Amino acid sequence: MSTRRRTQVIPMFDLEFRKSTYSANAQACAEVADTPTLHAVRDSKTLEQSPLMFDRAEWRAFIDATRTHYL
């Protein structure tokens, strides 16, 4: 089994980012966009930077950690 990660090219302009409803009208927020295989996260203050990309397992680990207050 190969441990190399596949590279996936996703046009950033095709991503539809959203903010958490918990952020209300705050200006400093993390925004998330979903693709069929990846989750993109960006800082709403620095839109010119590339988002961080996480696969499903990484995203699930992050969500589980925040729900159980490990983060």
Protein backbone atom coordinates (compact mmCIF):
# COMPACT_ATOMS: atom_id res chain seq x y z
CA MET A 1 0.00 0.00 0.00
CA SER A 2 1.32 3.43 -0.91
CA THR A 3 1.56 6.11 1.77
CA ARG A 4 1.91 8.94 -0.75
CA ARG A 5 -0.91 11.45 -0.81
CA ARG A 6 -2.59 12.19 -4.10
CA THR A 7 -2.54 15.77 -5.27
CA GLN A 8 -5.93 17.22 -6.06
CA VAL A 9 -6.31 20.50 -7.93
CA ILE A 10 -9.35 22.49 -6.84
CA PRO A 11 -10.01 25.93 -8.32
CA MET A 12 -10.30 28.21 -5.28
CA PHE A 13 -12.82 30.45 -7.02
CA ASP A 14 -15.23 27.49 -7.16
CA LEU A 15 -15.30 27.06 -3.39
CA GLU A 16 -18.28 28.45 -1.47
CA PHE A 17 -16.99 29.49 1.95
CA ARG A 18 -19.29 29.94 4.93
CA LYS A 19 -18.92 31.23 8.50
CA SER A 20 -20.27 29.62 11.62
CA THR A 21 -23.57 30.95 12.86
CA TYR A 22 -21.82 31.33 16.23
CA SER A 23 -19.66 34.12 14.79
CA ALA A 24 -22.69 36.44 14.28
CA ASN A 25 -21.38 39.62 12.64
CA ALA A 26 -17.81 39.27 13.87
CA GLN A 27 -15.14 40.35 11.39
CA ALA A 28 -12.40 37.92 12.45
CA CYS A 29 -13.68 34.47 11.57
CA ALA A 30 -12.58 31.17 10.16
CA GLU A 31 -14.52 30.21 7.05
CA VAL A 32 -15.05 26.69 5.74
CA ALA A 33 -15.79 25.28 2.28
CA ASP A 34 -16.46 21.65 1.42
CA THR A 35 -15.53 19.61 -1.63
CA PRO A 36 -16.42 15.96 -2.22
CA THR A 37 -13.13 14.85 -0.64
CA LEU A 38 -11.63 17.84 1.21
CA HIS A 39 -12.52 20.63 3.62
CA ALA A 40 -10.93 24.06 3.10
CA VAL A 41 -10.44 26.52 5.97
CA ARG A 42 -9.39 30.15 5.59
CA ASP A 43 -9.09 33.30 7.69
CA SER A 44 -11.78 35.82 6.72
CA LYS A 45 -9.25 38.65 7.17
CA THR A 46 -6.69 37.25 4.70
CA LEU A 47 -8.68 36.09 1.70
CA GLU A 48 -5.66 36.41 -0.59
CA GLN A 49 -3.92 33.50 1.15
CA SER A 50 -4.54 29.90 0.19
CA PRO A 51 -6.84 27.99 2.52
CA LEU A 52 -5.70 25.06 4.61
CA MET A 53 -6.96 21.78 3.17
CA PHE A 54 -7.97 18.74 5.25
CA ASP A 55 -9.10 15.30 4.15
CA ARG A 56 -12.15 13.64 5.72
CA ALA A 57 -10.22 11.83 8.46
CA GLU A 58 -8.32 14.96 9.47
CA TRP A 59 -11.52 17.03 9.49
CA ARG A 60 -13.38 14.42 11.56
CA ALA A 61 -10.53 14.37 14.11
CA PHE A 62 -10.68 18.17 14.37
CA ILE A 63 -14.47 18.23 14.81
CA ASP A 64 -14.36 15.43 17.39
CA ALA A 65 -11.62 17.24 19.34
CA THR A 66 -13.58 20.50 19.43
CA ARG A 67 -16.77 18.75 20.51
CA THR A 68 -14.99 17.00 23.37
CA HIS A 69 -13.12 20.18 24.37
CA TYR A 70 -9.66 18.81 23.59
CA LEU A 71 -8.95 21.99 21.58
